[in-house]
Amino acid sequence: MWAVGCVLGELHLRRPLFPGKNAVHTLELIFSTIGHPADPVLKRLLPGSANLDMRAHFRVIRNSDINAIPLVGLAKGASITLMALLKGLCTLDPRSRFNSWRAIEDPSTSWP
């Protein structure tokens, strides 16, 4: 569902939503837009001992004030219902993210 939200945002913007130069830069862009996840969520997103350095890197970034551009700022001109759907689909924690049923039930996906 994350990918659906990204594609929907890119269709609205007509450009990449998170145009990172590499995986770490892409995550930095995502975190600066969506917000930095709490440590338990970060451990679920980047599991295992191989990702200890990446988790430490993102903790440092979270504690510094980088130039954040909220999702609302990226999707200028989007309706309130589209923004609600994007926020639901582009939620970092998979446990809180919209699933397909929740997305279908969202008012922004209703047809006239």
Protein backbone atom coordinates (compact mmCIF):
# COMPACT_ATOMS: atom_id res chain seq x y z
CA MET A 1 0.00 0.00 0.00
CA TRP A 2 3.02 2.25 0.53
CA ALA A 3 3.82 1.99 -3.19
CA VAL A 4 0.20 2.81 -4.12
CA GLY A 5 0.46 6.00 -2.05
CA CYS A 6 3.76 6.94 -3.69
CA VAL A 7 2.37 6.36 -7.19
CA LEU A 8 -0.77 8.34 -6.34
CA GLY A 9 1.39 11.21 -5.05
CA GLU A 10 3.58 11.08 -8.15
CA LEU A 11 0.55 11.15 -10.43
CA HIS A 12 -0.68 14.25 -8.63
CA LEU A 13 2.73 15.96 -8.62
CA ARG A 14 3.79 14.72 -12.06
CA ARG A 15 7.25 14.04 -10.69
CA PRO A 16 8.92 11.58 -8.28
CA LEU A 17 7.69 11.93 -4.72
CA PHE A 18 10.99 10.97 -3.07
CA PRO A 19 13.73 11.43 -5.71
CA GLY A 20 16.64 10.06 -3.68
CA LYS A 21 20.14 9.64 -5.09
CA ASN A 22 20.54 6.30 -3.24
CA ALA A 23 18.72 4.22 -0.62
CA VAL A 24 19.93 6.25 2.36
CA HIS A 25 19.12 9.58 0.69
CA THR A 26 15.67 8.29 -0.26
CA LEU A 27 15.01 7.31 3.36
CA GLU A 28 16.21 10.74 4.49
CA LEU A 29 13.71 12.37 2.11
CA ILE A 30 10.92 10.10 3.30
CA PHE A 31 11.67 10.72 6.97
CA SER A 32 11.93 14.48 6.47
CA THR A 33 8.52 14.46 4.78
CA ILE A 34 6.55 11.84 6.69
CA GLY A 35 8.39 12.26 9.98
CA HIS A 36 11.02 10.21 11.72
CA PRO A 37 9.80 6.92 13.12
CA ALA A 38 10.11 6.04 16.77
CA ASP A 39 12.84 3.54 17.59
CA PRO A 40 10.53 0.49 17.71
CA VAL A 41 9.18 1.35 14.24
CA LEU A 42 12.68 2.02 12.93
CA LYS A 43 13.77 -1.43 14.19
CA ARG A 44 10.87 -3.02 12.30
CA LEU A 45 11.67 -1.04 9.13
CA LEU A 46 15.41 -1.78 9.33
CA PRO A 47 15.66 -5.11 11.18
CA GLY A 48 18.76 -7.06 12.10
CA SER A 49 22.23 -6.25 13.26
CA ALA A 50 23.32 -5.36 9.71
CA ASN A 51 21.21 -2.20 9.94
CA LEU A 52 22.56 -0.92 13.27
CA ASP A 53 24.65 1.76 11.55
CA MET A 54 21.69 2.90 9.43
CA ARG A 55 19.43 3.11 12.48
CA ALA A 56 22.11 5.15 14.30
CA HIS A 57 22.44 7.43 11.24
CA PHE A 58 18.71 8.11 11.20
CA ARG A 59 18.64 8.75 14.95
CA VAL A 60 21.26 11.47 14.45
CA ILE A 61 19.23 12.98 11.61
CA ARG A 62 16.06 12.82 13.69
CA ASN A 63 17.78 14.73 16.49
CA SER A 64 19.05 17.41 14.12
CA ASP A 65 16.67 19.85 12.55
CA ILE A 66 16.93 19.20 8.81
CA ASN A 67 14.82 21.06 6.26
CA ALA A 68 11.60 19.10 6.45
CA ILE A 69 8.98 19.51 3.77
CA PRO A 70 5.72 18.05 5.04
CA LEU A 71 3.61 15.93 2.73
CA VAL A 72 1.02 18.71 2.61
CA GLY A 73 3.68 21.04 1.19
CA LEU A 74 4.65 18.53 -1.48
CA ALA A 75 1.13 17.99 -2.72
CA LYS A 76 0.02 21.58 -3.23
CA GLY A 77 -3.38 21.85 -4.82
CA ALA A 78 -4.47 18.43 -3.57
CA SER A 79 -7.94 18.13 -2.12
CA ILE A 80 -8.40 17.44 1.58
CA THR A 81 -9.66 13.96 0.79
CA LEU A 82 -6.66 13.19 -1.43
CA MET A 83 -4.30 14.38 1.31
CA ALA A 84 -6.08 12.15 3.84
CA LEU A 85 -5.69 9.17 1.52
CA LEU A 86 -2.00 9.97 0.86
CA LYS A 87 -1.32 10.31 4.59
CA GLY A 88 -3.05 6.99 5.24
CA LEU A 89 -1.15 5.19 2.48
CA CYS A 90 2.21 6.84 3.14
CA THR A 91 2.37 6.00 6.83
CA LEU A 92 5.73 4.57 7.86
CA ASP A 93 4.46 2.02 10.35
CA PRO A 94 2.81 -0.83 8.41
CA ARG A 95 0.63 -1.55 11.43
CA SER A 96 -0.94 1.94 11.15
CA ARG A 97 -0.91 2.26 7.36
CA PHE A 98 -4.13 1.93 5.37
CA ASN A 99 -4.73 -1.57 4.09
CA SER A 100 -6.64 -2.14 0.86
CA TRP A 101 -10.03 -2.28 2.59
CA ARG A 102 -9.41 0.95 4.51
CA ALA A 103 -8.25 2.69 1.34
CA ILE A 104 -11.35 1.55 -0.55
CA GLU A 105 -13.58 2.80 2.26
CA ASP A 106 -11.87 6.20 2.29
CA PRO A 107 -14.15 9.04 1.05
CA SER A 108 -11.54 10.07 -1.55
CA THR A 109 -11.95 6.77 -3.39
CA SER A 110 -15.73 6.96 -3.68
CA TRP A 111 -17.26 7.46 -7.10
CA PRO A 112 -20.12 9.91 -7.73
